[in-house]
Amino acid sequence: MDLAELQRIERATWRRYLFYMDLAVFAIFGVSLALLVRHTFAAGQLYSRGEYGLSTETLWQVVADTAFLVAAFSWLAYRFFRNEYLVLSRRF
């Protein structure tokens, strides 16, 4: 056996790895969305009570949640449009 044959990942295995990675990204997307709603609500409540320092800290948490949300959505959009391109460009 060649070393190159041992290092090659089969197509089915690679697709399975990407499927599991997509599931993990969906979970990150869902958790980030839930945390975004929760932190935004908490920041609004703190701001309405006049606790500006605590609301600023909570808004920084909103920024972090948004960063994770954007990263997860970017990955999912990339995977979706790439797979659509592969399906539509296939010759029948």
N, C-alpha and C. Protein backbone atom coordinates (compact mmCIF):
# COMPACT_ATOMS: atom_id res chain seq x y z
N MET A 1 0.83 -1.20 0.00
CA MET A 1 0.00 0.00 0.00
C MET A 1 0.86 1.25 0.00
N ASP A 2 0.43 2.17 -0.79
CA ASP A 2 1.11 3.45 -0.89
C ASP A 2 0.69 4.37 0.25
N LEU A 3 1.57 5.28 0.62
CA LEU A 3 1.22 6.25 1.66
C LEU A 3 0.12 7.19 1.17
N ALA A 4 0.13 7.50 -0.12
CA ALA A 4 -0.91 8.37 -0.68
C ALA A 4 -2.28 7.72 -0.61
N GLU A 5 -2.35 6.40 -0.76
CA GLU A 5 -3.64 5.71 -0.65
C GLU A 5 -4.17 5.73 0.76
N LEU A 6 -3.27 5.68 1.74
CA LEU A 6 -3.70 5.71 3.14
C LEU A 6 -4.19 7.09 3.55
N GLN A 7 -3.62 8.14 2.96
CA GLN A 7 -3.99 9.50 3.32
C GLN A 7 -5.25 9.98 2.62
N ARG A 8 -5.68 9.31 1.59
CA ARG A 8 -6.86 9.72 0.84
C ARG A 8 -8.11 9.39 1.63
N ILE A 9 -9.02 10.34 1.67
CA ILE A 9 -10.31 10.13 2.33
C ILE A 9 -11.33 9.84 1.24
N GLU A 10 -12.11 8.81 1.45
CA GLU A 10 -13.11 8.45 0.45
C GLU A 10 -14.21 9.49 0.39
N ARG A 11 -14.87 9.55 -0.75
CA ARG A 11 -15.90 10.55 -0.97
C ARG A 11 -17.06 10.41 0.03
N ALA A 12 -17.48 9.19 0.29
CA ALA A 12 -18.59 8.97 1.23
C ALA A 12 -18.22 9.38 2.65
N THR A 13 -16.99 9.09 3.04
CA THR A 13 -16.52 9.48 4.38
C THR A 13 -16.45 11.00 4.49
N TRP A 14 -15.95 11.65 3.44
CA TRP A 14 -15.84 13.10 3.44
C TRP A 14 -17.23 13.74 3.53
N ARG A 15 -18.19 13.21 2.79
CA ARG A 15 -19.56 13.74 2.85
C ARG A 15 -20.18 13.54 4.22
N ARG A 16 -19.89 12.41 4.86
CA ARG A 16 -20.40 12.16 6.20
C ARG A 16 -19.80 13.16 7.19
N TYR A 17 -18.50 13.43 7.09
CA TYR A 17 -17.87 14.43 7.96
C TYR A 17 -18.49 15.81 7.77
N LEU A 18 -18.72 16.18 6.52
CA LEU A 18 -19.34 17.48 6.25
C LEU A 18 -20.77 17.53 6.76
N PHE A 19 -21.50 16.43 6.69
CA PHE A 19 -22.85 16.38 7.22
C PHE A 19 -22.85 16.61 8.73
N TYR A 20 -21.94 15.95 9.44
CA TYR A 20 -21.84 16.15 10.88
C TYR A 20 -21.42 17.58 11.22
N MET A 21 -20.55 18.14 10.40
CA MET A 21 -20.13 19.52 10.63
C MET A 21 -21.30 20.48 10.38
N ASP A 22 -22.11 20.20 9.38
CA ASP A 22 -23.29 21.02 9.13
C ASP A 22 -24.28 20.94 10.29
N LEU A 23 -24.45 19.76 10.85
CA LEU A 23 -25.32 19.62 12.02
C LEU A 23 -24.80 20.44 13.20
N ALA A 24 -23.49 20.40 13.40
CA ALA A 24 -22.89 21.20 14.49
C ALA A 24 -23.09 22.69 14.24
N VAL A 25 -22.96 23.12 13.00
CA VAL A 25 -23.16 24.53 12.68
C VAL A 25 -24.62 24.92 12.86
N PHE A 26 -25.55 24.03 12.52
CA PHE A 26 -26.97 24.30 12.79
C PHE A 26 -27.22 24.47 14.29
N ALA A 27 -26.57 23.64 15.10
CA ALA A 27 -26.71 23.76 16.55
C ALA A 27 -26.14 25.09 17.04
N ILE A 28 -24.99 25.49 16.52
CA ILE A 28 -24.40 26.78 16.88
C ILE A 28 -25.32 27.92 16.47
N PHE A 29 -25.92 27.80 15.28
CA PHE A 29 -26.85 28.82 14.81
C PHE A 29 -28.05 28.94 15.74
N GLY A 30 -28.62 27.81 16.13
CA GLY A 30 -29.79 27.83 17.01
C GLY A 30 -29.48 28.39 18.39
N VAL A 31 -28.36 27.96 18.96
CA VAL A 31 -27.98 28.46 20.29
C VAL A 31 -27.66 29.95 20.22
N SER A 32 -26.97 30.38 19.17
CA SER A 32 -26.65 31.81 19.03
C SER A 32 -27.90 32.65 18.87
N LEU A 33 -28.86 32.14 18.13
CA LEU A 33 -30.11 32.88 17.95
C LEU A 33 -30.87 33.00 19.26
N ALA A 34 -30.93 31.91 20.03
CA ALA A 34 -31.62 31.95 21.32
C ALA A 34 -30.91 32.91 22.29
N LEU A 35 -29.58 32.85 22.31
CA LEU A 35 -28.83 33.75 23.19
C LEU A 35 -28.96 35.20 22.74
N LEU A 36 -29.02 35.42 21.44
CA LEU A 36 -29.19 36.78 20.93
C LEU A 36 -30.50 37.38 21.42
N VAL A 37 -31.57 36.61 21.33
CA VAL A 37 -32.87 37.10 21.80
C VAL A 37 -32.83 37.36 23.30
N ARG A 38 -32.25 36.43 24.04
CA ARG A 38 -32.20 36.57 25.50
C ARG A 38 -31.37 37.78 25.92
N HIS A 39 -30.19 37.96 25.32
CA HIS A 39 -29.33 39.08 25.70
C HIS A 39 -29.91 40.42 25.25
N THR A 40 -30.57 40.43 24.10
CA THR A 40 -31.20 41.66 23.64
C THR A 40 -32.34 42.07 24.57
N PHE A 41 -33.14 41.12 24.99
CA PHE A 41 -34.22 41.41 25.93
C PHE A 41 -33.66 41.91 27.26
N ALA A 42 -32.61 41.26 27.75
CA ALA A 42 -32.01 41.67 29.03
C ALA A 42 -31.41 43.07 28.92
N ALA A 43 -30.77 43.37 27.80
CA ALA A 43 -30.19 44.71 27.62
C ALA A 43 -31.28 45.76 27.58
N GLY A 44 -32.39 45.47 26.93
CA GLY A 44 -33.51 46.42 26.90
C GLY A 44 -34.10 46.64 28.27
N GLN A 45 -34.23 45.58 29.05
CA GLN A 45 -34.76 45.72 30.40
C GLN A 45 -33.82 46.55 31.29
N LEU A 46 -32.53 46.28 31.18
CA LEU A 46 -31.57 47.04 31.99
C LEU A 46 -31.53 48.51 31.56
N TYR A 47 -31.61 48.76 30.27
CA TYR A 47 -31.58 50.13 29.79
C TYR A 47 -32.83 50.89 30.23
N SER A 48 -33.97 50.22 30.24
CA SER A 48 -35.20 50.90 30.65
C SER A 48 -35.19 51.23 32.15
N ARG A 49 -34.44 50.48 32.93
CA ARG A 49 -34.32 50.76 34.36
C ARG A 49 -33.25 51.81 34.66
N GLY A 50 -32.49 52.18 33.66
CA GLY A 50 -31.46 53.20 33.85
C GLY A 50 -30.11 52.65 34.25
N GLU A 51 -29.93 51.35 34.17
CA GLU A 51 -28.64 50.74 34.50
C GLU A 51 -27.80 50.65 33.23
N TYR A 52 -27.18 51.78 32.89
CA TYR A 52 -26.50 51.90 31.60
C TYR A 52 -25.22 51.07 31.54
N GLY A 53 -24.52 50.94 32.64
CA GLY A 53 -23.29 50.15 32.64
C GLY A 53 -23.56 48.68 32.37
N LEU A 54 -24.55 48.13 33.05
CA LEU A 54 -24.89 46.73 32.85
C LEU A 54 -25.49 46.49 31.47
N SER A 55 -26.26 47.46 30.98
CA SER A 55 -26.83 47.28 29.65
C SER A 55 -25.74 47.31 28.58
N THR A 56 -24.68 48.08 28.81
CA THR A 56 -23.57 48.11 27.86
C THR A 56 -22.86 46.77 27.83
N GLU A 57 -22.65 46.16 28.99
CA GLU A 57 -22.03 44.83 29.03
C GLU A 57 -22.90 43.80 28.32
N THR A 58 -24.18 43.89 28.51
CA THR A 58 -25.09 42.95 27.86
C THR A 58 -25.12 43.17 26.35
N LEU A 59 -25.00 44.42 25.92
CA LEU A 59 -24.96 44.68 24.48
C LEU A 59 -23.68 44.13 23.85
N TRP A 60 -22.58 44.07 24.59
CA TRP A 60 -21.38 43.43 24.07
C TRP A 60 -21.60 41.94 23.91
N GLN A 61 -22.41 41.35 24.77
CA GLN A 61 -22.77 39.94 24.60
C GLN A 61 -23.62 39.77 23.33
N VAL A 62 -24.46 40.76 23.05
CA VAL A 62 -25.26 40.73 21.81
C VAL A 62 -24.34 40.76 20.60
N VAL A 63 -23.28 41.56 20.67
CA VAL A 63 -22.32 41.62 19.56
C VAL A 63 -21.65 40.26 19.36
N ALA A 64 -21.27 39.60 20.45
CA ALA A 64 -20.64 38.29 20.34
C ALA A 64 -21.63 37.26 19.76
N ASP A 65 -22.87 37.31 20.21
CA ASP A 65 -23.88 36.40 19.67
C ASP A 65 -24.09 36.64 18.18
N THR A 66 -24.09 37.88 17.78
CA THR A 66 -24.27 38.23 16.37
C THR A 66 -23.10 37.73 15.53
N ALA A 67 -21.89 37.80 16.07
CA ALA A 67 -20.72 37.30 15.34
C ALA A 67 -20.84 35.79 15.09
N PHE A 68 -21.23 35.03 16.10
CA PHE A 68 -21.42 33.60 15.91
C PHE A 68 -22.56 33.32 14.94
N LEU A 69 -23.61 34.11 15.01
CA LEU A 69 -24.75 33.93 14.12
C LEU A 69 -24.36 34.19 12.67
N VAL A 70 -23.60 35.23 12.44
CA VAL A 70 -23.16 35.56 11.07
C VAL A 70 -22.22 34.49 10.54
N ALA A 71 -21.31 34.01 11.37
CA ALA A 71 -20.38 32.97 10.92
C ALA A 71 -21.13 31.69 10.58
N ALA A 72 -22.07 31.29 11.42
CA ALA A 72 -22.83 30.08 11.16
C ALA A 72 -23.69 30.23 9.91
N PHE A 73 -24.34 31.37 9.76
CA PHE A 73 -25.17 31.59 8.57
C PHE A 73 -24.32 31.63 7.31
N SER A 74 -23.14 32.20 7.39
CA SER A 74 -22.26 32.24 6.22
C SER A 74 -21.87 30.84 5.78
N TRP A 75 -21.53 29.99 6.75
CA TRP A 75 -21.18 28.61 6.41
C TRP A 75 -22.36 27.88 5.78
N LEU A 76 -23.54 28.04 6.36
CA LEU A 76 -24.72 27.36 5.84
C LEU A 76 -25.09 27.87 4.45
N ALA A 77 -24.99 29.17 4.22
CA ALA A 77 -25.29 29.73 2.91
C ALA A 77 -24.27 29.24 1.86
N TYR A 78 -23.00 29.20 2.25
CA TYR A 78 -21.97 28.71 1.34
C TYR A 78 -22.24 27.26 0.95
N ARG A 79 -22.52 26.42 1.95
CA ARG A 79 -22.77 25.01 1.66
C ARG A 79 -24.02 24.83 0.81
N PHE A 80 -25.07 25.60 1.09
CA PHE A 80 -26.30 25.49 0.32
C PHE A 80 -26.07 25.86 -1.14
N PHE A 81 -25.47 27.03 -1.40
CA PHE A 81 -25.30 27.47 -2.78
C PHE A 81 -24.27 26.64 -3.52
N ARG A 82 -23.27 26.14 -2.84
CA ARG A 82 -22.30 25.26 -3.50
C ARG A 82 -22.97 23.96 -3.91
N ASN A 83 -23.76 23.38 -3.04
CA ASN A 83 -24.45 22.14 -3.38
C ASN A 83 -25.49 22.36 -4.47
N GLU A 84 -26.17 23.50 -4.45
CA GLU A 84 -27.11 23.81 -5.53
C GLU A 84 -26.39 23.92 -6.86
N TYR A 85 -25.22 24.56 -6.86
CA TYR A 85 -24.44 24.68 -8.09
C TYR A 85 -24.03 23.30 -8.60
N LEU A 86 -23.58 22.43 -7.69
CA LEU A 86 -23.17 21.09 -8.11
C LEU A 86 -24.33 20.29 -8.67
N VAL A 87 -25.50 20.45 -8.10
CA VAL A 87 -26.67 19.71 -8.59
C VAL A 87 -27.11 20.27 -9.95
N LEU A 88 -27.14 21.59 -10.07
CA LEU A 88 -27.63 22.19 -11.32
C LEU A 88 -26.64 22.08 -12.46
N SER A 89 -25.37 21.98 -12.17
CA SER A 89 -24.37 21.88 -13.23
C SER A 89 -24.11 20.43 -13.67
N ARG A 90 -24.77 19.48 -13.05
CA ARG A 90 -24.61 18.07 -13.41
C ARG A 90 -25.29 17.81 -14.74
N ARG A 91 -24.63 17.07 -15.59
CA ARG A 91 -25.20 16.72 -16.88
C ARG A 91 -26.06 15.48 -16.74
N PHE A 92 -27.18 15.50 -17.42
CA PHE A 92 -28.11 14.36 -17.36
C PHE A 92 -28.06 13.56 -18.63
